[in-house]
mmCIF file of all heavy atoms, coordinates in Angstrom:
data_MODEL
# 
_entry.id   MODEL 
# 
loop_
_atom_site.group_PDB 
_atom_site.id 
_atom_site.type_symbol 
_atom_site.label_atom_id 
_atom_site.label_alt_id 
_atom_site.label_comp_id 
_atom_site.label_asym_id 
_atom_site.label_entity_id 
_atom_site.label_seq_id 
_atom_site.pdbx_PDB_ins_code 
_atom_site.Cartn_x 
_atom_site.Cartn_y 
_atom_site.Cartn_z 
_atom_site.occupancy 
_atom_site.B_iso_or_equiv 
_atom_site.pdbx_formal_charge 
_atom_site.auth_seq_id 
_atom_site.auth_comp_id 
_atom_site.auth_asym_id 
_atom_site.auth_atom_id 
_atom_site.pdbx_PDB_model_num 
ATOM 1   N N   . ARG A 1 1  ? -17.345 10.610 -14.343 1.00 0.00 ? 1  ARG A N   1 
ATOM 2   C CA  . ARG A 1 1  ? -17.352 11.712 -15.319 1.00 0.00 ? 1  ARG A CA  1 
ATOM 3   C C   . ARG A 1 1  ? -16.161 12.638 -15.155 1.00 0.00 ? 1  ARG A C   1 
ATOM 4   O O   . ARG A 1 1  ? -15.709 13.256 -16.107 1.00 0.00 ? 1  ARG A O   1 
ATOM 5   C CB  . ARG A 1 1  ? -18.645 12.524 -15.172 1.00 0.00 ? 1  ARG A CB  1 
ATOM 6   C CG  . ARG A 1 1  ? -19.906 11.739 -15.502 1.00 0.00 ? 1  ARG A CG  1 
ATOM 7   C CD  . ARG A 1 1  ? -19.919 11.283 -16.953 1.00 0.00 ? 1  ARG A CD  1 
ATOM 8   N NE  . ARG A 1 1  ? -21.154 10.600 -17.304 1.00 0.00 ? 1  ARG A NE  1 
ATOM 9   C CZ  . ARG A 1 1  ? -21.403 10.060 -18.487 1.00 0.00 ? 1  ARG A CZ  1 
ATOM 10  N NH1 . ARG A 1 1  ? -20.488 10.138 -19.420 1.00 0.00 ? 1  ARG A NH1 1 
ATOM 11  N NH2 . ARG A 1 1  ? -22.537 9.444  -18.706 1.00 0.00 ? 1  ARG A NH2 1 
ATOM 12  N N   . ASN A 1 2  ? -15.669 12.741 -13.936 1.00 0.00 ? 2  ASN A N   1 
ATOM 13  C CA  . ASN A 1 2  ? -14.581 13.685 -13.696 1.00 0.00 ? 2  ASN A CA  1 
ATOM 14  C C   . ASN A 1 2  ? -13.730 13.185 -12.538 1.00 0.00 ? 2  ASN A C   1 
ATOM 15  O O   . ASN A 1 2  ? -14.224 13.064 -11.428 1.00 0.00 ? 2  ASN A O   1 
ATOM 16  C CB  . ASN A 1 2  ? -15.149 15.068 -13.360 1.00 0.00 ? 2  ASN A CB  1 
ATOM 17  C CG  . ASN A 1 2  ? -14.048 16.092 -13.155 1.00 0.00 ? 2  ASN A CG  1 
ATOM 18  O OD1 . ASN A 1 2  ? -12.968 15.969 -13.702 1.00 0.00 ? 2  ASN A OD1 1 
ATOM 19  N ND2 . ASN A 1 2  ? -14.334 17.105 -12.347 1.00 0.00 ? 2  ASN A ND2 1 
ATOM 20  N N   . ALA A 1 3  ? -12.482 12.866 -12.814 1.00 0.00 ? 3  ALA A N   1 
ATOM 21  C CA  . ALA A 1 3  ? -11.558 12.390 -11.768 1.00 0.00 ? 3  ALA A CA  1 
ATOM 22  C C   . ALA A 1 3  ? -10.335 13.300 -11.766 1.00 0.00 ? 3  ALA A C   1 
ATOM 23  O O   . ALA A 1 3  ? -9.428  13.124 -12.570 1.00 0.00 ? 3  ALA A O   1 
ATOM 24  C CB  . ALA A 1 3  ? -11.167 10.947 -12.022 1.00 0.00 ? 3  ALA A CB  1 
ATOM 25  N N   . THR A 1 4  ? -10.348 14.289 -10.921 1.00 0.00 ? 4  THR A N   1 
ATOM 26  C CA  . THR A 1 4  ? -9.213  15.216 -10.821 1.00 0.00 ? 4  THR A CA  1 
ATOM 27  C C   . THR A 1 4  ? -8.790  15.311 -9.372  1.00 0.00 ? 4  THR A C   1 
ATOM 28  O O   . THR A 1 4  ? -9.589  15.182 -8.446  1.00 0.00 ? 4  THR A O   1 
ATOM 29  C CB  . THR A 1 4  ? -9.587  16.613 -11.336 1.00 0.00 ? 4  THR A CB  1 
ATOM 30  O OG1 . THR A 1 4  ? -10.680 17.124 -10.559 1.00 0.00 ? 4  THR A OG1 1 
ATOM 31  C CG2 . THR A 1 4  ? -9.973  16.563 -12.809 1.00 0.00 ? 4  THR A CG2 1 
ATOM 32  N N   . TYR A 1 5  ? -7.508  15.546 -9.158  1.00 0.00 ? 5  TYR A N   1 
ATOM 33  C CA  . TYR A 1 5  ? -6.942  15.666 -7.817  1.00 0.00 ? 5  TYR A CA  1 
ATOM 34  C C   . TYR A 1 5  ? -6.080  16.909 -7.764  1.00 0.00 ? 5  TYR A C   1 
ATOM 35  O O   . TYR A 1 5  ? -5.279  17.156 -8.674  1.00 0.00 ? 5  TYR A O   1 
ATOM 36  C CB  . TYR A 1 5  ? -6.097  14.444 -7.472  1.00 0.00 ? 5  TYR A CB  1 
ATOM 37  C CG  . TYR A 1 5  ? -6.871  13.140 -7.531  1.00 0.00 ? 5  TYR A CG  1 
ATOM 38  C CD1 . TYR A 1 5  ? -6.922  12.399 -8.709  1.00 0.00 ? 5  TYR A CD1 1 
ATOM 39  C CD2 . TYR A 1 5  ? -7.522  12.650 -6.417  1.00 0.00 ? 5  TYR A CD2 1 
ATOM 40  C CE1 . TYR A 1 5  ? -7.616  11.207 -8.758  1.00 0.00 ? 5  TYR A CE1 1 
ATOM 41  C CE2 . TYR A 1 5  ? -8.220  11.461 -6.456  1.00 0.00 ? 5  TYR A CE2 1 
ATOM 42  C CZ  . TYR A 1 5  ? -8.276  10.732 -7.629  1.00 0.00 ? 5  TYR A CZ  1 
ATOM 43  O OH  . TYR A 1 5  ? -8.969  9.563  -7.688  1.00 0.00 ? 5  TYR A OH  1 
ATOM 44  N N   . VAL A 1 6  ? -6.231  17.668 -6.715  1.00 0.00 ? 6  VAL A N   1 
ATOM 45  C CA  . VAL A 1 6  ? -5.400  18.847 -6.504  1.00 0.00 ? 6  VAL A CA  1 
ATOM 46  C C   . VAL A 1 6  ? -4.090  18.406 -5.876  1.00 0.00 ? 6  VAL A C   1 
ATOM 47  O O   . VAL A 1 6  ? -4.084  17.657 -4.899  1.00 0.00 ? 6  VAL A O   1 
ATOM 48  C CB  . VAL A 1 6  ? -6.115  19.865 -5.591  1.00 0.00 ? 6  VAL A CB  1 
ATOM 49  C CG1 . VAL A 1 6  ? -5.211  21.061 -5.317  1.00 0.00 ? 6  VAL A CG1 1 
ATOM 50  C CG2 . VAL A 1 6  ? -7.437  20.309 -6.231  1.00 0.00 ? 6  VAL A CG2 1 
ATOM 51  N N   . GLN A 1 7  ? -2.974  18.848 -6.474  1.00 0.00 ? 7  GLN A N   1 
ATOM 52  C CA  . GLN A 1 7  ? -1.661  18.478 -5.953  1.00 0.00 ? 7  GLN A CA  1 
ATOM 53  C C   . GLN A 1 7  ? -1.447  19.101 -4.581  1.00 0.00 ? 7  GLN A C   1 
ATOM 54  O O   . GLN A 1 7  ? -1.604  20.305 -4.400  1.00 0.00 ? 7  GLN A O   1 
ATOM 55  C CB  . GLN A 1 7  ? -0.557  18.943 -6.910  1.00 0.00 ? 7  GLN A CB  1 
ATOM 56  C CG  . GLN A 1 7  ? 0.846   18.635 -6.462  1.00 0.00 ? 7  GLN A CG  1 
ATOM 57  C CD  . GLN A 1 7  ? 1.211   17.169 -6.607  1.00 0.00 ? 7  GLN A CD  1 
ATOM 58  O OE1 . GLN A 1 7  ? 0.565   16.439 -7.327  1.00 0.00 ? 7  GLN A OE1 1 
ATOM 59  N NE2 . GLN A 1 7  ? 2.256   16.742 -5.918  1.00 0.00 ? 7  GLN A NE2 1 
ATOM 60  N N   . SER A 1 8  ? -1.079  18.257 -3.619  1.00 0.00 ? 8  SER A N   1 
ATOM 61  C CA  . SER A 1 8  ? -0.807  18.742 -2.266  1.00 0.00 ? 8  SER A CA  1 
ATOM 62  C C   . SER A 1 8  ? 0.547   19.446 -2.214  1.00 0.00 ? 8  SER A C   1 
ATOM 63  O O   . SER A 1 8  ? 1.378   19.268 -3.112  1.00 0.00 ? 8  SER A O   1 
ATOM 64  C CB  . SER A 1 8  ? -0.809  17.559 -1.285  1.00 0.00 ? 8  SER A CB  1 
ATOM 65  O OG  . SER A 1 8  ? -2.054  16.904 -1.297  1.00 0.00 ? 8  SER A OG  1 
ATOM 66  N N   . PRO A 1 9  ? 0.794   20.227 -1.157  1.00 0.00 ? 9  PRO A N   1 
ATOM 67  C CA  . PRO A 1 9  ? 2.080   20.926 -1.033  1.00 0.00 ? 9  PRO A CA  1 
ATOM 68  C C   . PRO A 1 9  ? 3.252   19.935 -0.979  1.00 0.00 ? 9  PRO A C   1 
ATOM 69  O O   . PRO A 1 9  ? 3.105   18.804 -0.497  1.00 0.00 ? 9  PRO A O   1 
ATOM 70  C CB  . PRO A 1 9  ? 1.948   21.687 0.284   1.00 0.00 ? 9  PRO A CB  1 
ATOM 71  C CG  . PRO A 1 9  ? 0.491   21.751 0.571   1.00 0.00 ? 9  PRO A CG  1 
ATOM 72  C CD  . PRO A 1 9  ? -0.121  20.546 -0.052  1.00 0.00 ? 9  PRO A CD  1 
ATOM 73  N N   . ASP A 1 10 ? 4.402   20.382 -1.437  1.00 0.00 ? 10 ASP A N   1 
ATOM 74  C CA  . ASP A 1 10 ? 5.579   19.510 -1.492  1.00 0.00 ? 10 ASP A CA  1 
ATOM 75  C C   . ASP A 1 10 ? 5.932   18.930 -0.125  1.00 0.00 ? 10 ASP A C   1 
ATOM 76  O O   . ASP A 1 10 ? 6.355   17.776 -0.016  1.00 0.00 ? 10 ASP A O   1 
ATOM 77  C CB  . ASP A 1 10 ? 6.794   20.269 -2.053  1.00 0.00 ? 10 ASP A CB  1 
ATOM 78  C CG  . ASP A 1 10 ? 6.690   20.478 -3.549  1.00 0.00 ? 10 ASP A CG  1 
ATOM 79  O OD1 . ASP A 1 10 ? 5.804   19.851 -4.186  1.00 0.00 ? 10 ASP A OD1 1 
ATOM 80  O OD2 . ASP A 1 10 ? 7.488   21.247 -4.100  1.00 0.00 ? 10 ASP A OD2 1 
ATOM 81  N N   . ASN A 1 11 ? 5.776   19.730 0.923   1.00 0.00 ? 11 ASN A N   1 
ATOM 82  C CA  . ASN A 1 11 ? 6.174   19.253 2.248   1.00 0.00 ? 11 ASN A CA  1 
ATOM 83  C C   . ASN A 1 11 ? 5.292   18.112 2.735   1.00 0.00 ? 11 ASN A C   1 
ATOM 84  O O   . ASN A 1 11 ? 5.661   17.354 3.641   1.00 0.00 ? 11 ASN A O   1 
ATOM 85  C CB  . ASN A 1 11 ? 6.182   20.385 3.267   1.00 0.00 ? 11 ASN A CB  1 
ATOM 86  C CG  . ASN A 1 11 ? 4.782   20.937 3.528   1.00 0.00 ? 11 ASN A CG  1 
ATOM 87  O OD1 . ASN A 1 11 ? 3.928   20.918 2.663   1.00 0.00 ? 11 ASN A OD1 1 
ATOM 88  N ND2 . ASN A 1 11 ? 4.577   21.449 4.730   1.00 0.00 ? 11 ASN A ND2 1 
ATOM 89  N N   . LEU A 1 12 ? 4.105   17.934 2.126   1.00 0.00 ? 12 LEU A N   1 
ATOM 90  C CA  . LEU A 1 12 ? 3.270   16.786 2.408   1.00 0.00 ? 12 LEU A CA  1 
ATOM 91  C C   . LEU A 1 12 ? 3.531   15.653 1.414   1.00 0.00 ? 12 LEU A C   1 
ATOM 92  O O   . LEU A 1 12 ? 3.646   14.486 1.814   1.00 0.00 ? 12 LEU A O   1 
ATOM 93  C CB  . LEU A 1 12 ? 1.788   17.187 2.350   1.00 0.00 ? 12 LEU A CB  1 
ATOM 94  C CG  . LEU A 1 12 ? 1.283   18.131 3.429   1.00 0.00 ? 12 LEU A CG  1 
ATOM 95  C CD1 . LEU A 1 12 ? -0.198  18.429 3.211   1.00 0.00 ? 12 LEU A CD1 1 
ATOM 96  C CD2 . LEU A 1 12 ? 1.505   17.529 4.819   1.00 0.00 ? 12 LEU A CD2 1 
ATOM 97  N N   . VAL A 1 13 ? 3.618   15.992 0.137   1.00 0.00 ? 13 VAL A N   1 
ATOM 98  C CA  . VAL A 1 13 ? 3.786   14.975 -0.906  1.00 0.00 ? 13 VAL A CA  1 
ATOM 99  C C   . VAL A 1 13 ? 5.029   14.132 -0.680  1.00 0.00 ? 13 VAL A C   1 
ATOM 100 O O   . VAL A 1 13 ? 4.994   12.903 -0.757  1.00 0.00 ? 13 VAL A O   1 
ATOM 101 C CB  . VAL A 1 13 ? 3.842   15.634 -2.292  1.00 0.00 ? 13 VAL A CB  1 
ATOM 102 C CG1 . VAL A 1 13 ? 4.235   14.619 -3.368  1.00 0.00 ? 13 VAL A CG1 1 
ATOM 103 C CG2 . VAL A 1 13 ? 2.490   16.247 -2.643  1.00 0.00 ? 13 VAL A CG2 1 
ATOM 104 N N   . TRP A 1 14 ? 6.144   14.792 -0.349  1.00 0.00 ? 14 TRP A N   1 
ATOM 105 C CA  . TRP A 1 14 ? 7.421   14.078 -0.296  1.00 0.00 ? 14 TRP A CA  1 
ATOM 106 C C   . TRP A 1 14 ? 7.597   13.246 0.973   1.00 0.00 ? 14 TRP A C   1 
ATOM 107 O O   . TRP A 1 14 ? 8.593   12.563 1.125   1.00 0.00 ? 14 TRP A O   1 
ATOM 108 C CB  . TRP A 1 14 ? 8.571   15.062 -0.494  1.00 0.00 ? 14 TRP A CB  1 
ATOM 109 C CG  . TRP A 1 14 ? 8.645   15.489 -1.925  1.00 0.00 ? 14 TRP A CG  1 
ATOM 110 C CD1 . TRP A 1 14 ? 7.997   16.535 -2.501  1.00 0.00 ? 14 TRP A CD1 1 
ATOM 111 C CD2 . TRP A 1 14 ? 9.350   14.842 -2.974  1.00 0.00 ? 14 TRP A CD2 1 
ATOM 112 N NE1 . TRP A 1 14 ? 8.267   16.593 -3.857  1.00 0.00 ? 14 TRP A NE1 1 
ATOM 113 C CE2 . TRP A 1 14 ? 9.107   15.568 -4.174  1.00 0.00 ? 14 TRP A CE2 1 
ATOM 114 C CE3 . TRP A 1 14 ? 10.199  13.721 -3.037  1.00 0.00 ? 14 TRP A CE3 1 
ATOM 115 C CZ2 . TRP A 1 14 ? 9.648   15.204 -5.398  1.00 0.00 ? 14 TRP A CZ2 1 
ATOM 116 C CZ3 . TRP A 1 14 ? 10.746  13.378 -4.262  1.00 0.00 ? 14 TRP A CZ3 1 
ATOM 117 C CH2 . TRP A 1 14 ? 10.471  14.098 -5.414  1.00 0.00 ? 14 TRP A CH2 1 
ATOM 118 N N   . ARG A 1 15 ? 6.614   13.265 1.867   1.00 0.00 ? 15 ARG A N   1 
ATOM 119 C CA  . ARG A 1 15 ? 6.620   12.311 2.975   1.00 0.00 ? 15 ARG A CA  1 
ATOM 120 C C   . ARG A 1 15 ? 6.206   10.926 2.497   1.00 0.00 ? 15 ARG A C   1 
ATOM 121 O O   . ARG A 1 15 ? 6.499   9.925  3.137   1.00 0.00 ? 15 ARG A O   1 
ATOM 122 C CB  . ARG A 1 15 ? 5.645   12.763 4.054   1.00 0.00 ? 15 ARG A CB  1 
ATOM 123 C CG  . ARG A 1 15 ? 5.984   14.090 4.712   1.00 0.00 ? 15 ARG A CG  1 
ATOM 124 C CD  . ARG A 1 15 ? 4.929   14.430 5.744   1.00 0.00 ? 15 ARG A CD  1 
ATOM 125 N NE  . ARG A 1 15 ? 5.079   15.790 6.249   1.00 0.00 ? 15 ARG A NE  1 
ATOM 126 C CZ  . ARG A 1 15 ? 4.255   16.370 7.112   1.00 0.00 ? 15 ARG A CZ  1 
ATOM 127 N NH1 . ARG A 1 15 ? 3.217   15.677 7.564   1.00 0.00 ? 15 ARG A NH1 1 
ATOM 128 N NH2 . ARG A 1 15 ? 4.463   17.606 7.526   1.00 0.00 ? 15 ARG A NH2 1 
ATOM 129 N N   . TYR A 1 16 ? 5.488   10.891 1.364   1.00 0.00 ? 16 TYR A N   1 
ATOM 130 C CA  . TYR A 1 16 ? 4.880   9.651  0.902   1.00 0.00 ? 16 TYR A CA  1 
ATOM 131 C C   . TYR A 1 16 ? 5.301   9.254  -0.510  1.00 0.00 ? 16 TYR A C   1 
ATOM 132 O O   . TYR A 1 16 ? 4.983   8.150  -0.950  1.00 0.00 ? 16 TYR A O   1 
ATOM 133 C CB  . TYR A 1 16 ? 3.351   9.787  0.928   1.00 0.00 ? 16 TYR A CB  1 
ATOM 134 C CG  . TYR A 1 16 ? 2.830   10.329 2.234   1.00 0.00 ? 16 TYR A CG  1 
ATOM 135 C CD1 . TYR A 1 16 ? 2.412   11.652 2.340   1.00 0.00 ? 16 TYR A CD1 1 
ATOM 136 C CD2 . TYR A 1 16 ? 2.781   9.526  3.368   1.00 0.00 ? 16 TYR A CD2 1 
ATOM 137 C CE1 . TYR A 1 16 ? 1.940   12.158 3.551   1.00 0.00 ? 16 TYR A CE1 1 
ATOM 138 C CE2 . TYR A 1 16 ? 2.313   10.021 4.583   1.00 0.00 ? 16 TYR A CE2 1 
ATOM 139 C CZ  . TYR A 1 16 ? 1.892   11.335 4.662   1.00 0.00 ? 16 TYR A CZ  1 
ATOM 140 O OH  . TYR A 1 16 ? 1.441   11.827 5.865   1.00 0.00 ? 16 TYR A OH  1 
ATOM 141 N N   . PHE A 1 17 ? 5.989   10.147 -1.210  1.00 0.00 ? 17 PHE A N   1 
ATOM 142 C CA  . PHE A 1 17 ? 6.315   9.905  -2.616  1.00 0.00 ? 17 PHE A CA  1 
ATOM 143 C C   . PHE A 1 17 ? 7.781   10.220 -2.859  1.00 0.00 ? 17 PHE A C   1 
ATOM 144 O O   . PHE A 1 17 ? 8.314   11.211 -2.344  1.00 0.00 ? 17 PHE A O   1 
ATOM 145 C CB  . PHE A 1 17 ? 5.443   10.786 -3.509  1.00 0.00 ? 17 PHE A CB  1 
ATOM 146 C CG  . PHE A 1 17 ? 5.924   10.836 -4.944  1.00 0.00 ? 17 PHE A CG  1 
ATOM 147 C CD1 . PHE A 1 17 ? 5.718   9.754  -5.788  1.00 0.00 ? 17 PHE A CD1 1 
ATOM 148 C CD2 . PHE A 1 17 ? 6.579   11.951 -5.435  1.00 0.00 ? 17 PHE A CD2 1 
ATOM 149 C CE1 . PHE A 1 17 ? 6.175   9.790  -7.110  1.00 0.00 ? 17 PHE A CE1 1 
ATOM 150 C CE2 . PHE A 1 17 ? 7.025   12.008 -6.740  1.00 0.00 ? 17 PHE A CE2 1 
ATOM 151 C CZ  . PHE A 1 17 ? 6.815   10.912 -7.575  1.00 0.00 ? 17 PHE A CZ  1 
ATOM 152 N N   . TYR A 1 18 ? 8.440   9.366  -3.641  1.00 0.00 ? 18 TYR A N   1 
ATOM 153 C CA  . TYR A 1 18 ? 9.863   9.569  -3.946  1.00 0.00 ? 18 TYR A CA  1 
ATOM 154 C C   . TYR A 1 18 ? 10.123  9.147  -5.382  1.00 0.00 ? 18 TYR A C   1 
ATOM 155 O O   . TYR A 1 18 ? 9.714   8.064  -5.808  1.00 0.00 ? 18 TYR A O   1 
ATOM 156 C CB  . TYR A 1 18 ? 10.718  8.751  -2.981  1.00 0.00 ? 18 TYR A CB  1 
ATOM 157 C CG  . TYR A 1 18 ? 12.205  8.987  -3.138  1.00 0.00 ? 18 TYR A CG  1 
ATOM 158 C CD1 . TYR A 1 18 ? 12.797  10.136 -2.628  1.00 0.00 ? 18 TYR A CD1 1 
ATOM 159 C CD2 . TYR A 1 18 ? 13.008  8.057  -3.780  1.00 0.00 ? 18 TYR A CD2 1 
ATOM 160 C CE1 . TYR A 1 18 ? 14.164  10.354 -2.760  1.00 0.00 ? 18 TYR A CE1 1 
ATOM 161 C CE2 . TYR A 1 18 ? 14.369  8.263  -3.914  1.00 0.00 ? 18 TYR A CE2 1 
ATOM 162 C CZ  . TYR A 1 18 ? 14.939  9.417  -3.402  1.00 0.00 ? 18 TYR A CZ  1 
ATOM 163 O OH  . TYR A 1 18 ? 16.286  9.627  -3.545  1.00 0.00 ? 18 TYR A OH  1 
ATOM 164 N N   . ASN A 1 19 ? 10.800  9.982  -6.131  1.00 0.00 ? 19 ASN A N   1 
ATOM 165 C CA  . ASN A 1 19 ? 11.124  9.703  -7.528  1.00 0.00 ? 19 ASN A CA  1 
ATOM 166 C C   . ASN A 1 19 ? 12.394  8.854  -7.588  1.00 0.00 ? 19 ASN A C   1 
ATOM 167 O O   . ASN A 1 19 ? 13.491  9.360  -7.813  1.00 0.00 ? 19 ASN A O   1 
ATOM 168 C CB  . ASN A 1 19 ? 11.309  11.008 -8.300  1.00 0.00 ? 19 ASN A CB  1 
ATOM 169 C CG  . ASN A 1 19 ? 11.628  10.776 -9.775  1.00 0.00 ? 19 ASN A CG  1 
ATOM 170 O OD1 . ASN A 1 19 ? 11.507  9.654  -10.274 1.00 0.00 ? 19 ASN A OD1 1 
ATOM 171 N ND2 . ASN A 1 19 ? 12.024  11.817 -10.453 1.00 0.00 ? 19 ASN A ND2 1 
ATOM 172 N N   . LEU A 1 20 ? 12.236  7.553  -7.382  1.00 0.00 ? 20 LEU A N   1 
ATOM 173 C CA  . LEU A 1 20 ? 13.399  6.661  -7.325  1.00 0.00 ? 20 LEU A CA  1 
ATOM 174 C C   . LEU A 1 20 ? 14.128  6.609  -8.660  1.00 0.00 ? 20 LEU A C   1 
ATOM 175 O O   . LEU A 1 20 ? 15.360  6.632  -8.716  1.00 0.00 ? 20 LEU A O   1 
ATOM 176 C CB  . LEU A 1 20 ? 12.947  5.256  -6.900  1.00 0.00 ? 20 LEU A CB  1 
ATOM 177 C CG  . LEU A 1 20 ? 14.040  4.190  -6.781  1.00 0.00 ? 20 LEU A CG  1 
ATOM 178 C CD1 . LEU A 1 20 ? 15.114  4.610  -5.784  1.00 0.00 ? 20 LEU A CD1 1 
ATOM 179 C CD2 . LEU A 1 20 ? 13.434  2.858  -6.366  1.00 0.00 ? 20 LEU A CD2 1 
ATOM 180 N N   . LYS A 1 21 ? 13.376  6.536  -9.761  1.00 0.00 ? 21 LYS A N   1 
ATOM 181 C CA  . LYS A 1 21 ? 13.999  6.441  -11.085 1.00 0.00 ? 21 LYS A CA  1 
ATOM 182 C C   . LYS A 1 21 ? 14.858  7.669  -11.387 1.00 0.00 ? 21 LYS A C   1 
ATOM 183 O O   . LYS A 1 21 ? 15.889  7.560  -12.059 1.00 0.00 ? 21 LYS A O   1 
ATOM 184 C CB  . LYS A 1 21 ? 12.920  6.267  -12.156 1.00 0.00 ? 21 LYS A CB  1 
ATOM 185 C CG  . LYS A 1 21 ? 13.472  5.996  -13.536 1.00 0.00 ? 21 LYS A CG  1 
ATOM 186 C CD  . LYS A 1 21 ? 12.355  5.738  -14.546 1.00 0.00 ? 21 LYS A CD  1 
ATOM 187 C CE  . LYS A 1 21 ? 12.929  5.456  -15.919 1.00 0.00 ? 21 LYS A CE  1 
ATOM 188 N NZ  . LYS A 1 21 ? 11.846  5.204  -16.922 1.00 0.00 ? 21 LYS A NZ  1 
ATOM 189 N N   . GLY A 1 22 ? 14.444  8.821  -10.872 1.00 0.00 ? 22 GLY A N   1 
ATOM 190 C CA  . GLY A 1 22 ? 15.196  10.048 -11.147 1.00 0.00 ? 22 GLY A CA  1 
ATOM 191 C C   . GLY A 1 22 ? 16.214  10.391 -10.079 1.00 0.00 ? 22 GLY A C   1 
ATOM 192 O O   . GLY A 1 22 ? 16.823  11.453 -10.132 1.00 0.00 ? 22 GLY A O   1 
ATOM 193 N N   . SER A 1 23 ? 16.418  9.484  -9.118  1.00 0.00 ? 23 SER A N   1 
ATOM 194 C CA  . SER A 1 23 ? 17.338  9.777  -8.011  1.00 0.00 ? 23 SER A CA  1 
ATOM 195 C C   . SER A 1 23 ? 18.780  9.475  -8.398  1.00 0.00 ? 23 SER A C   1 
ATOM 196 O O   . SER A 1 23 ? 19.062  8.899  -9.452  1.00 0.00 ? 23 SER A O   1 
ATOM 197 C CB  . SER A 1 23 ? 16.949  8.969  -6.780  1.00 0.00 ? 23 SER A CB  1 
ATOM 198 O OG  . SER A 1 23 ? 17.114  7.572  -7.014  1.00 0.00 ? 23 SER A OG  1 
ATOM 199 N N   . ALA A 1 24 ? 19.699  9.827  -7.498  1.00 0.00 ? 24 ALA A N   1 
ATOM 200 C CA  . ALA A 1 24 ? 21.131  9.639  -7.752  1.00 0.00 ? 24 ALA A CA  1 
ATOM 201 C C   . ALA A 1 24 ? 21.474  8.158  -7.894  1.00 0.00 ? 24 ALA A C   1 
ATOM 202 O O   . ALA A 1 24 ? 20.864  7.295  -7.247  1.00 0.00 ? 24 ALA A O   1 
ATOM 203 C CB  . ALA A 1 24 ? 21.932  10.249 -6.614  1.00 0.00 ? 24 ALA A CB  1 
# 
């Protein structure tokens, strides 16, 4: 019925996630 996730702080997120398509 409800699937929501609170975005974690950047210093945690960017250990595991990288925007490759938007990178240099």
